[in-house]
Amino acid sequence: MIRAAGVAEVKDTDFETEVLGSELPVLVEFTADWCPPCRQMGPVLTALAAEEGERLKVVQLDVDTNPLTTNAYRVLSMPTFMVFRGGEPVRSMVGARPKRRLLEELADVL
């Protein structure tokens, strides 16, 4: 998986600990190597993690190697972004978007 700098990768095995058990809200990008829009989001996620790291945890999950989590949340399109707070998904967005728009969509969950 092509990881965004400063963004952790989560897997089926640690999703519960890293995402559902997080003190901070977590933005999960469900991504895949074969997805060009996912690659475009790399710099956006890197910047978001750097700027909002105190308020928001940003992680990536490779859908090809983590089918349990992908199927559990019925993720069908890449990239899908899900925000988890208190162990529950509170927002879902599909498709690449510029950082400004992503921040606007996250404003009420931060």
N, C-alpha and C. Protein backbone atom coordinates (compact mmCIF):
# COMPACT_ATOMS: atom_id res chain seq x y z
N MET A 1 0.84 -1.19 0.00
CA MET A 1 0.00 0.00 0.00
C MET A 1 0.88 1.24 0.00
N ILE A 2 0.49 2.24 -0.76
CA ILE A 2 1.20 3.52 -0.79
C ILE A 2 0.71 4.35 0.38
N ARG A 3 1.58 4.48 1.39
CA ARG A 3 1.16 5.20 2.59
C ARG A 3 1.46 6.68 2.49
N ALA A 4 0.54 7.47 3.02
CA ALA A 4 0.77 8.91 3.12
C ALA A 4 1.73 9.14 4.29
N ALA A 5 2.66 10.05 4.12
CA ALA A 5 3.64 10.33 5.17
C ALA A 5 2.95 10.81 6.44
N GLY A 6 3.37 10.25 7.57
CA GLY A 6 2.80 10.66 8.85
C GLY A 6 1.43 10.08 9.14
N VAL A 7 0.99 9.15 8.29
CA VAL A 7 -0.33 8.54 8.46
C VAL A 7 -0.13 7.05 8.74
N ALA A 8 -0.65 6.57 9.85
CA ALA A 8 -0.47 5.17 10.23
C ALA A 8 -1.33 4.26 9.38
N GLU A 9 -0.85 3.02 9.21
CA GLU A 9 -1.65 2.01 8.53
C GLU A 9 -2.28 1.13 9.59
N VAL A 10 -3.57 0.87 9.47
CA VAL A 10 -4.24 -0.05 10.38
C VAL A 10 -4.66 -1.29 9.60
N LYS A 11 -4.81 -2.39 10.33
CA LYS A 11 -5.16 -3.67 9.72
C LYS A 11 -6.36 -4.26 10.46
N ASP A 12 -6.91 -5.33 9.90
CA ASP A 12 -8.01 -6.03 10.57
C ASP A 12 -7.65 -6.33 12.02
N THR A 13 -6.39 -6.75 12.23
CA THR A 13 -5.96 -7.22 13.56
C THR A 13 -5.87 -6.12 14.61
N ASP A 14 -5.63 -4.86 14.20
CA ASP A 14 -5.50 -3.80 15.20
C ASP A 14 -6.54 -2.68 15.05
N PHE A 15 -7.52 -2.89 14.18
CA PHE A 15 -8.54 -1.86 13.93
C PHE A 15 -9.29 -1.49 15.22
N GLU A 16 -9.65 -2.52 15.99
CA GLU A 16 -10.41 -2.27 17.21
C GLU A 16 -9.61 -1.41 18.18
N THR A 17 -8.34 -1.74 18.37
CA THR A 17 -7.49 -0.98 19.29
C THR A 17 -7.20 0.43 18.78
N GLU A 18 -6.76 0.52 17.52
CA GLU A 18 -6.28 1.79 16.96
C GLU A 18 -7.40 2.77 16.61
N VAL A 19 -8.53 2.24 16.16
CA VAL A 19 -9.62 3.11 15.69
C VAL A 19 -10.77 3.15 16.70
N LEU A 20 -11.35 2.00 16.98
CA LEU A 20 -12.52 1.97 17.85
C LEU A 20 -12.18 2.37 19.29
N GLY A 21 -10.94 2.09 19.71
CA GLY A 21 -10.54 2.41 21.08
C GLY A 21 -9.83 3.73 21.23
N SER A 22 -9.75 4.51 20.16
CA SER A 22 -9.01 5.78 20.20
C SER A 22 -9.73 6.84 21.03
N GLU A 23 -8.92 7.61 21.77
CA GLU A 23 -9.47 8.74 22.53
C GLU A 23 -9.92 9.85 21.58
N LEU A 24 -9.15 10.04 20.50
CA LEU A 24 -9.46 11.08 19.52
C LEU A 24 -10.43 10.54 18.46
N PRO A 25 -11.16 11.44 17.79
CA PRO A 25 -11.88 10.99 16.58
C PRO A 25 -10.85 10.48 15.57
N VAL A 26 -11.22 9.50 14.76
CA VAL A 26 -10.30 8.89 13.80
C VAL A 26 -10.88 8.99 12.40
N LEU A 27 -10.08 9.52 11.47
CA LEU A 27 -10.44 9.51 10.05
C LEU A 27 -9.75 8.31 9.42
N VAL A 28 -10.52 7.37 8.89
CA VAL A 28 -9.97 6.19 8.24
C VAL A 28 -10.16 6.35 6.74
N GLU A 29 -9.06 6.23 6.00
CA GLU A 29 -9.18 6.16 4.54
C GLU A 29 -9.10 4.69 4.15
N PHE A 30 -10.19 4.17 3.57
CA PHE A 30 -10.18 2.83 3.00
C PHE A 30 -9.60 3.00 1.60
N THR A 31 -8.45 2.37 1.35
CA THR A 31 -7.68 2.66 0.15
C THR A 31 -7.18 1.39 -0.51
N ALA A 32 -6.61 1.53 -1.71
CA ALA A 32 -6.03 0.40 -2.44
C ALA A 32 -4.94 0.92 -3.38
N ASP A 33 -3.93 0.08 -3.59
CA ASP A 33 -2.82 0.46 -4.49
C ASP A 33 -3.29 0.76 -5.90
N TRP A 34 -4.33 0.05 -6.36
CA TRP A 34 -4.78 0.17 -7.75
C TRP A 34 -5.72 1.36 -7.97
N CYS A 35 -5.90 2.19 -6.95
CA CYS A 35 -6.89 3.27 -7.01
C CYS A 35 -6.20 4.63 -7.19
N PRO A 36 -6.22 5.20 -8.42
CA PRO A 36 -5.57 6.51 -8.64
C PRO A 36 -6.09 7.63 -7.74
N PRO A 37 -7.41 7.77 -7.52
CA PRO A 37 -7.86 8.83 -6.62
C PRO A 37 -7.32 8.66 -5.19
N CYS A 38 -7.09 7.41 -4.78
CA CYS A 38 -6.52 7.16 -3.45
C CYS A 38 -5.11 7.75 -3.37
N ARG A 39 -4.34 7.56 -4.44
CA ARG A 39 -2.97 8.10 -4.46
C ARG A 39 -2.99 9.63 -4.42
N GLN A 40 -3.98 10.23 -5.08
CA GLN A 40 -4.09 11.70 -5.06
C GLN A 40 -4.33 12.21 -3.65
N MET A 41 -4.95 11.41 -2.79
CA MET A 41 -5.28 11.84 -1.44
C MET A 41 -4.09 11.80 -0.50
N GLY A 42 -3.00 11.16 -0.90
CA GLY A 42 -1.82 11.05 -0.04
C GLY A 42 -1.35 12.37 0.56
N PRO A 43 -1.05 13.37 -0.29
CA PRO A 43 -0.59 14.66 0.25
C PRO A 43 -1.64 15.35 1.11
N VAL A 44 -2.91 15.17 0.78
CA VAL A 44 -4.00 15.77 1.56
C VAL A 44 -4.02 15.17 2.97
N LEU A 45 -3.91 13.84 3.03
CA LEU A 45 -3.93 13.17 4.34
C LEU A 45 -2.69 13.50 5.15
N THR A 46 -1.54 13.60 4.48
CA THR A 46 -0.31 13.98 5.17
C THR A 46 -0.45 15.35 5.81
N ALA A 47 -0.98 16.31 5.05
CA ALA A 47 -1.17 17.67 5.56
C ALA A 47 -2.20 17.68 6.69
N LEU A 48 -3.27 16.93 6.52
CA LEU A 48 -4.32 16.88 7.53
C LEU A 48 -3.78 16.30 8.84
N ALA A 49 -3.01 15.22 8.74
CA ALA A 49 -2.43 14.59 9.93
C ALA A 49 -1.49 15.56 10.64
N ALA A 50 -0.72 16.32 9.87
CA ALA A 50 0.23 17.27 10.46
C ALA A 50 -0.49 18.43 11.13
N GLU A 51 -1.54 18.93 10.49
CA GLU A 51 -2.23 20.13 10.99
C GLU A 51 -3.23 19.83 12.10
N GLU A 52 -3.89 18.68 12.03
CA GLU A 52 -4.98 18.38 12.96
C GLU A 52 -4.65 17.23 13.91
N GLY A 53 -3.37 16.83 13.96
CA GLY A 53 -2.95 15.67 14.75
C GLY A 53 -3.34 15.70 16.22
N GLU A 54 -3.51 16.90 16.77
CA GLU A 54 -3.88 16.99 18.19
C GLU A 54 -5.36 16.71 18.39
N ARG A 55 -6.16 16.93 17.33
CA ARG A 55 -7.61 16.78 17.45
C ARG A 55 -8.15 15.57 16.70
N LEU A 56 -7.36 15.04 15.75
CA LEU A 56 -7.85 13.99 14.86
C LEU A 56 -6.73 13.01 14.53
N LYS A 57 -7.02 11.73 14.65
CA LYS A 57 -6.08 10.69 14.25
C LYS A 57 -6.42 10.32 12.81
N VAL A 58 -5.42 10.27 11.94
CA VAL A 58 -5.64 9.93 10.53
C VAL A 58 -4.93 8.61 10.23
N VAL A 59 -5.68 7.63 9.71
CA VAL A 59 -5.10 6.33 9.39
C VAL A 59 -5.59 5.85 8.02
N GLN A 60 -4.88 4.86 7.48
CA GLN A 60 -5.26 4.25 6.21
C GLN A 60 -5.43 2.75 6.41
N LEU A 61 -6.38 2.17 5.68
CA LEU A 61 -6.60 0.73 5.71
C LEU A 61 -6.65 0.22 4.28
N ASP A 62 -5.79 -0.75 3.96
CA ASP A 62 -5.74 -1.33 2.62
C ASP A 62 -6.87 -2.35 2.48
N VAL A 63 -7.82 -2.07 1.59
CA VAL A 63 -9.00 -2.94 1.46
C VAL A 63 -8.65 -4.33 0.94
N ASP A 64 -7.58 -4.44 0.16
CA ASP A 64 -7.23 -5.73 -0.43
C ASP A 64 -6.66 -6.70 0.60
N THR A 65 -6.00 -6.18 1.62
CA THR A 65 -5.38 -7.06 2.61
C THR A 65 -6.14 -7.10 3.93
N ASN A 66 -7.24 -6.34 4.02
CA ASN A 66 -8.04 -6.29 5.25
C ASN A 66 -9.53 -6.43 4.95
N PRO A 67 -9.93 -7.60 4.44
CA PRO A 67 -11.33 -7.78 4.02
C PRO A 67 -12.33 -7.76 5.17
N LEU A 68 -11.92 -8.17 6.36
CA LEU A 68 -12.89 -8.24 7.47
C LEU A 68 -13.44 -6.86 7.81
N THR A 69 -12.54 -5.90 7.98
CA THR A 69 -12.97 -4.54 8.32
C THR A 69 -13.70 -3.90 7.15
N THR A 70 -13.16 -4.08 5.94
CA THR A 70 -13.78 -3.52 4.74
C THR A 70 -15.22 -3.99 4.60
N ASN A 71 -15.45 -5.29 4.77
CA ASN A 71 -16.79 -5.84 4.65
C ASN A 71 -17.69 -5.45 5.82
N ALA A 72 -17.12 -5.38 7.01
CA ALA A 72 -17.90 -5.03 8.20
C ALA A 72 -18.55 -3.66 8.05
N TYR A 73 -17.85 -2.73 7.38
CA TYR A 73 -18.39 -1.37 7.20
C TYR A 73 -18.95 -1.15 5.80
N ARG A 74 -19.12 -2.25 5.06
CA ARG A 74 -19.73 -2.23 3.72
C ARG A 74 -19.10 -1.20 2.79
N VAL A 75 -17.77 -1.19 2.78
CA VAL A 75 -17.04 -0.27 1.91
C VAL A 75 -16.96 -0.88 0.52
N LEU A 76 -17.49 -0.16 -0.47
CA LEU A 76 -17.53 -0.67 -1.84
C LEU A 76 -16.71 0.17 -2.81
N SER A 77 -16.53 1.44 -2.53
CA SER A 77 -15.82 2.34 -3.44
C SER A 77 -14.57 2.88 -2.76
N MET A 78 -13.54 3.15 -3.57
CA MET A 78 -12.30 3.72 -3.05
C MET A 78 -12.09 5.10 -3.66
N PRO A 79 -11.56 6.05 -2.93
CA PRO A 79 -11.39 5.95 -1.48
C PRO A 79 -12.71 6.22 -0.76
N THR A 80 -12.91 5.53 0.35
CA THR A 80 -13.99 5.86 1.27
C THR A 80 -13.35 6.38 2.54
N PHE A 81 -13.87 7.47 3.04
CA PHE A 81 -13.39 8.04 4.31
C PHE A 81 -14.48 7.84 5.35
N MET A 82 -14.11 7.31 6.50
CA MET A 82 -15.06 7.17 7.60
C MET A 82 -14.46 7.81 8.83
N VAL A 83 -15.30 8.53 9.55
CA VAL A 83 -14.88 9.13 10.81
C VAL A 83 -15.51 8.31 11.93
N PHE A 84 -14.66 7.88 12.86
CA PHE A 84 -15.11 7.13 14.02
C PHE A 84 -14.90 7.98 15.26
N ARG A 85 -15.91 8.02 16.12
CA ARG A 85 -15.77 8.73 17.39
C ARG A 85 -16.42 7.86 18.47
N GLY A 86 -15.68 7.60 19.54
CA GLY A 86 -16.21 6.76 20.60
C GLY A 86 -16.54 5.35 20.12
N GLY A 87 -15.77 4.86 19.15
CA GLY A 87 -15.96 3.50 18.66
C GLY A 87 -17.07 3.33 17.64
N GLU A 88 -17.71 4.43 17.25
CA GLU A 88 -18.82 4.35 16.29
C GLU A 88 -18.52 5.18 15.05
N PRO A 89 -18.94 4.69 13.86
CA PRO A 89 -18.81 5.52 12.66
C PRO A 89 -19.83 6.65 12.70
N VAL A 90 -19.36 7.88 12.55
CA VAL A 90 -20.26 9.03 12.62
C VAL A 90 -20.38 9.79 11.30
N ARG A 91 -19.51 9.49 10.35
CA ARG A 91 -19.55 10.18 9.06
C ARG A 91 -18.89 9.29 8.01
N SER A 92 -19.43 9.28 6.81
CA SER A 92 -18.83 8.52 5.72
C SER A 92 -18.86 9.36 4.45
N MET A 93 -17.73 9.38 3.74
CA MET A 93 -17.62 10.17 2.51
C MET A 93 -16.91 9.32 1.47
N VAL A 94 -17.37 9.38 0.24
CA VAL A 94 -16.79 8.57 -0.83
C VAL A 94 -16.18 9.48 -1.89
N GLY A 95 -14.95 9.15 -2.30
CA GLY A 95 -14.31 9.88 -3.38
C GLY A 95 -13.25 10.86 -2.91
N ALA A 96 -12.29 11.12 -3.80
CA ALA A 96 -11.22 12.07 -3.50
C ALA A 96 -11.80 13.47 -3.41
N ARG A 97 -11.19 14.30 -2.58
CA ARG A 97 -11.63 15.69 -2.44
C ARG A 97 -10.45 16.53 -1.99
N PRO A 98 -10.49 17.84 -2.29
CA PRO A 98 -9.42 18.72 -1.85
C PRO A 98 -9.44 18.87 -0.33
N LYS A 99 -8.31 19.25 0.23
CA LYS A 99 -8.18 19.35 1.68
C LYS A 99 -9.20 20.32 2.28
N ARG A 100 -9.42 21.44 1.63
CA ARG A 100 -10.35 22.44 2.16
C ARG A 100 -11.75 21.85 2.33
N ARG A 101 -12.19 21.11 1.31
CA ARG A 101 -13.52 20.49 1.38
C ARG A 101 -13.56 19.40 2.45
N LEU A 102 -12.50 18.63 2.55
CA LEU A 102 -12.43 17.58 3.56
C LEU A 102 -12.51 18.21 4.97
N LEU A 103 -11.79 19.29 5.18
CA LEU A 103 -11.83 19.98 6.47
C LEU A 103 -13.24 20.51 6.77
N GLU A 104 -13.90 21.04 5.75
CA GLU A 104 -15.28 21.53 5.93
C GLU A 104 -16.20 20.39 6.35
N GLU A 105 -16.01 19.22 5.71
CA GLU A 105 -16.86 18.07 6.03
C GLU A 105 -16.56 17.48 7.40
N LEU A 106 -15.35 17.73 7.89
CA LEU A 106 -14.96 17.21 9.20
C LEU A 106 -15.23 18.21 10.33
N ALA A 107 -15.58 19.44 10.00
CA ALA A 107 -15.69 20.50 11.00
C ALA A 107 -16.58 20.13 12.18
N ASP A 108 -17.72 19.51 11.92
CA ASP A 108 -18.64 19.21 13.01
C ASP A 108 -18.26 17.97 13.82
N VAL A 109 -17.28 17.20 13.36
CA VAL A 109 -16.87 16.05 14.15
C VAL A 109 -15.55 16.27 14.89
N LEU A 110 -14.88 17.37 14.59
CA LEU A 110 -13.62 17.68 15.28
C LEU A 110 -13.89 18.38 16.59
